N, C-alpha and C. Protein backbone atom coordinates (compact mmCIF):
# COMPACT_ATOMS: atom_id res chain seq x y z
N MET A 1 125.78 106.10 78.50
CA MET A 1 124.57 105.83 78.75
C MET A 1 124.69 104.29 79.73
N LEU A 2 123.95 104.34 80.55
CA LEU A 2 124.12 103.84 81.68
C LEU A 2 123.62 102.15 81.16
N SER A 3 124.47 101.23 81.40
CA SER A 3 124.29 99.81 80.97
C SER A 3 124.33 98.69 82.26
N GLU A 4 124.73 99.13 83.54
CA GLU A 4 124.33 98.76 84.77
C GLU A 4 124.12 99.20 85.46
N PRO A 5 123.06 98.51 86.48
CA PRO A 5 122.34 99.35 87.69
C PRO A 5 123.56 100.13 88.32
N LEU A 6 122.90 101.26 88.51
CA LEU A 6 123.81 102.01 89.32
C LEU A 6 123.55 102.35 90.73
N ILE A 7 124.22 102.01 92.14
CA ILE A 7 123.56 101.94 93.10
C ILE A 7 124.11 102.75 94.44
N LEU A 8 123.40 103.76 94.47
CA LEU A 8 123.89 104.54 95.18
C LEU A 8 123.83 104.45 97.61
N ASN A 9 124.71 104.25 97.79
CA ASN A 9 124.28 104.59 99.26
C ASN A 9 124.22 105.81 100.15
N VAL A 10 122.83 105.02 100.38
CA VAL A 10 122.21 106.64 101.19
C VAL A 10 121.50 106.53 102.24
N GLU A 11 121.86 105.30 102.42
CA GLU A 11 121.43 104.42 103.97
C GLU A 11 121.63 105.91 105.15
N THR A 12 122.60 106.56 104.90
CA THR A 12 122.28 107.34 106.30
C THR A 12 121.50 108.66 106.33
N VAL A 13 120.84 108.79 105.01
CA VAL A 13 119.48 109.33 104.58
C VAL A 13 118.62 108.96 105.26
N HIS A 14 118.02 108.14 105.19
CA HIS A 14 116.96 107.36 105.71
C HIS A 14 115.59 108.34 105.29
N LEU A 15 115.36 107.69 103.21
CA LEU A 15 114.08 107.95 103.23
C LEU A 15 113.24 107.46 103.90
N SER A 16 111.72 108.32 104.00
CA SER A 16 110.71 107.52 104.80
C SER A 16 110.01 107.10 102.93
N ASP A 17 108.91 106.07 103.32
CA ASP A 17 108.27 105.98 102.23
C ASP A 17 107.61 106.68 101.21
N GLU A 18 107.46 107.68 101.88
CA GLU A 18 106.70 108.82 101.72
C GLU A 18 107.63 109.89 100.44
N GLN A 19 109.11 110.10 101.24
CA GLN A 19 109.96 110.96 100.42
C GLN A 19 110.76 110.19 99.37
N PHE A 20 110.26 108.48 99.54
CA PHE A 20 110.67 107.43 98.25
C PHE A 20 109.90 107.94 97.23
N TYR A 21 108.68 107.74 97.41
CA TYR A 21 107.48 107.78 96.77
C TYR A 21 108.14 109.38 95.69
N GLN A 22 107.98 110.51 96.49
CA GLN A 22 108.03 111.48 95.97
C GLN A 22 109.42 111.70 95.41
N PHE A 23 110.73 110.81 95.37
CA PHE A 23 111.65 111.26 94.75
C PHE A 23 111.52 110.45 93.45
N CYS A 24 110.96 109.00 93.14
CA CYS A 24 110.42 108.51 92.20
C CYS A 24 109.35 109.22 91.31
N MET A 25 108.36 110.26 91.73
CA MET A 25 107.56 110.95 91.15
C MET A 25 108.43 111.90 90.63
N ALA A 26 109.26 112.42 90.77
CA ALA A 26 110.20 113.72 91.11
C ALA A 26 111.45 112.84 89.32
N ASN A 27 111.38 111.69 89.52
CA ASN A 27 112.45 111.72 88.65
C ASN A 27 111.64 110.13 87.69
N ARG A 28 110.39 110.35 87.24
CA ARG A 28 109.50 109.50 86.27
C ARG A 28 110.71 109.04 85.21
N ASP A 29 111.37 109.41 84.48
CA ASP A 29 112.44 108.91 83.40
C ASP A 29 113.69 108.36 84.05
N LEU A 30 113.91 107.74 85.89
CA LEU A 30 114.44 106.70 85.86
C LEU A 30 113.44 105.62 86.63
N ARG A 31 114.58 104.60 86.26
CA ARG A 31 113.52 103.66 86.90
C ARG A 31 114.68 102.74 88.94
N VAL A 32 113.55 103.93 89.77
CA VAL A 32 114.38 104.01 90.85
C VAL A 32 113.99 102.33 91.88
N GLU A 33 115.02 101.46 92.15
CA GLU A 33 114.45 100.72 93.16
C GLU A 33 115.40 100.96 94.41
N ARG A 34 114.68 99.93 95.54
CA ARG A 34 115.39 100.30 97.07
C ARG A 34 115.78 99.09 97.41
N THR A 35 116.65 98.88 98.09
CA THR A 35 117.41 97.56 98.98
C THR A 35 116.64 97.24 100.43
N GLN A 36 116.86 96.84 101.04
CA GLN A 36 116.02 96.27 102.79
C GLN A 36 117.48 97.77 103.51
N ALA A 37 118.57 98.15 103.05
CA ALA A 37 119.62 98.70 103.82
C ALA A 37 119.14 100.43 103.11
N GLY A 38 118.30 100.57 102.27
CA GLY A 38 118.02 102.20 101.98
C GLY A 38 118.74 102.35 100.96
N TRP A 39 119.67 101.75 100.29
CA TRP A 39 120.56 102.15 99.11
C TRP A 39 119.24 101.92 97.54
N LEU A 40 119.81 103.45 97.02
CA LEU A 40 119.02 103.61 95.95
C LEU A 40 119.71 102.73 94.67
N ILE A 41 118.77 102.13 93.99
CA ILE A 41 119.55 101.57 92.95
C ILE A 41 118.60 102.63 91.32
N LEU A 42 119.37 102.93 90.28
CA LEU A 42 119.36 103.49 89.23
C LEU A 42 119.35 102.39 88.60
N MET A 43 117.89 101.43 87.74
CA MET A 43 118.09 100.62 86.67
C MET A 43 118.49 101.36 85.26
N PRO A 44 119.06 100.90 84.43
CA PRO A 44 119.49 101.32 82.87
C PRO A 44 118.22 100.38 82.12
N PRO A 45 117.44 101.32 81.01
CA PRO A 45 116.59 100.94 80.26
C PRO A 45 117.33 99.54 79.76
N VAL A 46 116.29 98.68 79.36
CA VAL A 46 117.15 97.40 78.83
C VAL A 46 116.73 97.58 77.46
N GLY A 47 117.78 96.38 76.83
CA GLY A 47 117.55 96.63 75.77
C GLY A 47 116.62 95.97 74.99
N GLY A 48 116.84 95.28 73.23
CA GLY A 48 115.79 95.03 72.59
C GLY A 48 115.71 93.59 72.59
N GLU A 49 116.37 92.64 73.19
CA GLU A 49 116.18 90.88 73.61
C GLU A 49 115.34 91.20 74.63
N SER A 50 115.99 91.22 75.52
CA SER A 50 115.37 91.84 77.29
C SER A 50 114.13 92.56 77.23
N GLY A 51 113.67 93.62 76.36
CA GLY A 51 112.76 93.78 76.40
C GLY A 51 111.54 93.68 75.56
N ASN A 52 112.29 92.42 74.67
CA ASN A 52 110.98 91.72 74.03
C ASN A 52 110.48 90.59 75.33
N ARG A 53 112.11 89.77 75.57
CA ARG A 53 111.51 88.54 76.53
C ARG A 53 110.28 89.11 77.60
N GLU A 54 110.63 90.17 78.34
CA GLU A 54 109.97 90.74 79.06
C GLU A 54 108.59 90.67 78.79
N LEU A 55 107.79 91.62 77.37
CA LEU A 55 106.70 91.87 77.25
C LEU A 55 105.96 90.43 76.73
N GLU A 56 106.71 89.69 76.02
CA GLU A 56 106.16 87.96 75.90
C GLU A 56 105.59 87.33 77.43
N PHE A 57 106.63 87.59 78.09
CA PHE A 57 106.41 87.16 79.77
C PHE A 57 104.89 87.49 79.75
N GLY A 58 105.10 88.96 80.12
CA GLY A 58 104.05 89.55 80.29
C GLY A 58 102.16 89.32 79.58
N ILE A 59 102.58 88.93 78.53
CA ILE A 59 101.59 88.94 77.39
C ILE A 59 101.23 87.29 78.22
N ASP A 60 101.74 86.30 78.24
CA ASP A 60 101.56 85.44 78.44
C ASP A 60 101.30 84.85 80.05
N LEU A 61 101.34 85.71 80.46
CA LEU A 61 100.98 85.68 82.30
C LEU A 61 99.71 86.60 82.59
N GLY A 62 99.41 87.80 81.58
CA GLY A 62 98.13 87.90 81.18
C GLY A 62 97.57 86.76 80.87
N MET A 63 97.53 86.50 79.48
CA MET A 63 96.66 85.62 79.11
C MET A 63 96.53 84.55 79.98
N TRP A 64 96.87 84.14 80.74
CA TRP A 64 96.87 82.89 81.69
C TRP A 64 95.82 83.50 82.78
N ASN A 65 96.08 84.96 83.22
CA ASN A 65 95.34 84.97 84.48
C ASN A 65 93.84 85.52 83.92
N ARG A 66 93.82 85.90 82.56
CA ARG A 66 92.62 86.14 82.09
C ARG A 66 91.76 85.27 82.10
N GLN A 67 92.27 83.63 81.69
CA GLN A 67 91.89 82.76 81.75
C GLN A 67 91.44 82.07 82.60
N THR A 68 92.38 81.81 84.09
CA THR A 68 92.02 81.08 85.54
C THR A 68 91.25 82.26 86.36
N GLN A 69 91.74 83.58 86.03
CA GLN A 69 91.29 85.00 86.87
C GLN A 69 91.27 84.41 88.52
N LEU A 70 92.59 84.72 88.46
CA LEU A 70 93.16 83.92 89.86
C LEU A 70 93.78 84.79 90.89
N GLY A 71 93.95 85.82 89.56
CA GLY A 71 95.04 87.06 90.24
C GLY A 71 94.95 88.30 89.52
N LYS A 72 95.69 89.27 90.04
CA LYS A 72 96.21 90.38 88.93
C LYS A 72 97.44 90.66 88.92
N VAL A 73 97.81 90.66 87.46
CA VAL A 73 98.96 91.27 87.02
C VAL A 73 99.42 92.56 86.97
N PHE A 74 100.98 92.50 87.02
CA PHE A 74 101.50 93.68 87.11
C PHE A 74 102.55 94.00 85.99
N SER A 75 102.64 95.18 85.73
CA SER A 75 103.88 95.71 84.71
C SER A 75 104.97 95.75 85.29
N SER A 76 106.13 96.16 84.88
CA SER A 76 107.51 96.37 85.08
C SER A 76 107.50 97.74 86.09
N SER A 77 106.54 98.37 86.11
CA SER A 77 106.54 100.42 86.08
C SER A 77 105.76 99.62 87.32
N THR A 78 105.53 98.88 88.37
CA THR A 78 104.60 98.72 89.49
C THR A 78 105.91 98.86 90.75
N ILE A 79 105.80 99.25 91.52
CA ILE A 79 106.86 98.98 92.71
C ILE A 79 105.60 97.96 93.79
N PHE A 80 106.61 97.43 94.31
CA PHE A 80 106.54 96.60 95.51
C PHE A 80 106.95 96.75 96.62
N LYS A 81 106.60 96.95 97.83
CA LYS A 81 107.42 96.54 99.29
C LYS A 81 107.22 95.45 99.64
N LEU A 82 108.79 95.15 99.73
CA LEU A 82 108.84 93.57 100.35
C LEU A 82 108.76 93.19 101.43
N PRO A 83 108.17 92.06 102.00
CA PRO A 83 108.06 91.69 103.40
C PRO A 83 109.61 92.12 104.30
N GLY A 84 110.64 91.84 104.00
CA GLY A 84 111.94 92.39 104.24
C GLY A 84 112.69 93.66 104.47
N GLY A 85 111.56 94.30 103.37
CA GLY A 85 112.45 95.25 103.74
C GLY A 85 112.16 95.84 102.07
N GLY A 86 112.58 97.59 101.65
CA GLY A 86 112.96 97.01 100.10
C GLY A 86 111.92 97.17 99.68
N ASP A 87 112.29 97.91 98.02
CA ASP A 87 111.09 98.35 97.46
C ASP A 87 111.65 98.13 95.41
N ARG A 88 110.95 97.03 94.82
CA ARG A 88 111.30 96.72 94.28
C ARG A 88 110.42 96.35 93.25
N SER A 89 110.99 96.67 91.62
CA SER A 89 109.77 96.27 90.74
C SER A 89 110.33 95.73 89.46
N PRO A 90 109.72 93.73 89.33
CA PRO A 90 109.89 93.22 89.01
C PRO A 90 109.79 93.26 86.97
N ASP A 91 109.70 92.44 86.52
CA ASP A 91 109.71 92.36 85.05
C ASP A 91 108.17 92.18 84.95
N ALA A 92 107.68 91.65 85.49
CA ALA A 92 106.05 91.49 85.68
C ALA A 92 105.64 90.83 86.99
N ALA A 93 104.45 90.46 87.54
CA ALA A 93 104.30 90.22 88.31
C ALA A 93 103.12 89.50 88.93
N TRP A 94 102.60 88.84 89.77
CA TRP A 94 101.49 88.28 89.74
C TRP A 94 100.98 87.73 91.27
N ILE A 95 99.71 88.34 91.44
CA ILE A 95 99.30 88.15 93.07
C ILE A 95 98.31 87.58 92.92
N ARG A 96 98.08 86.59 93.93
CA ARG A 96 96.81 85.80 94.09
C ARG A 96 95.58 86.75 94.35
N GLN A 97 94.20 87.22 93.91
CA GLN A 97 92.64 87.55 94.49
C GLN A 97 93.32 87.34 95.75
N GLU A 98 92.99 86.40 97.12
CA GLU A 98 92.94 86.30 97.73
C GLU A 98 93.65 87.80 98.62
N ARG A 99 94.82 88.03 98.22
CA ARG A 99 95.49 88.54 98.56
C ARG A 99 95.23 90.51 98.64
């Protein structure tokens, strides 16, 4: 079982955004991220303690956002295209309404 992220140096392959998306869709059981350099990162599942902390934080973030209605909350299943390159899935994310 994978306990550390597995990093695949595939920068010579140059996956387009669409190809990366198709790769993720074809491998839904994997949590895949991509670095700015184009390397693929296969993330292992989290353990019980980490999973609990992640969910508790997501609940707090969601409740805060429901009260303030300042933005949108996203789960760890959401991948974000970062401004400097790369595609990452944080444990939880919040984006203000204006964006």
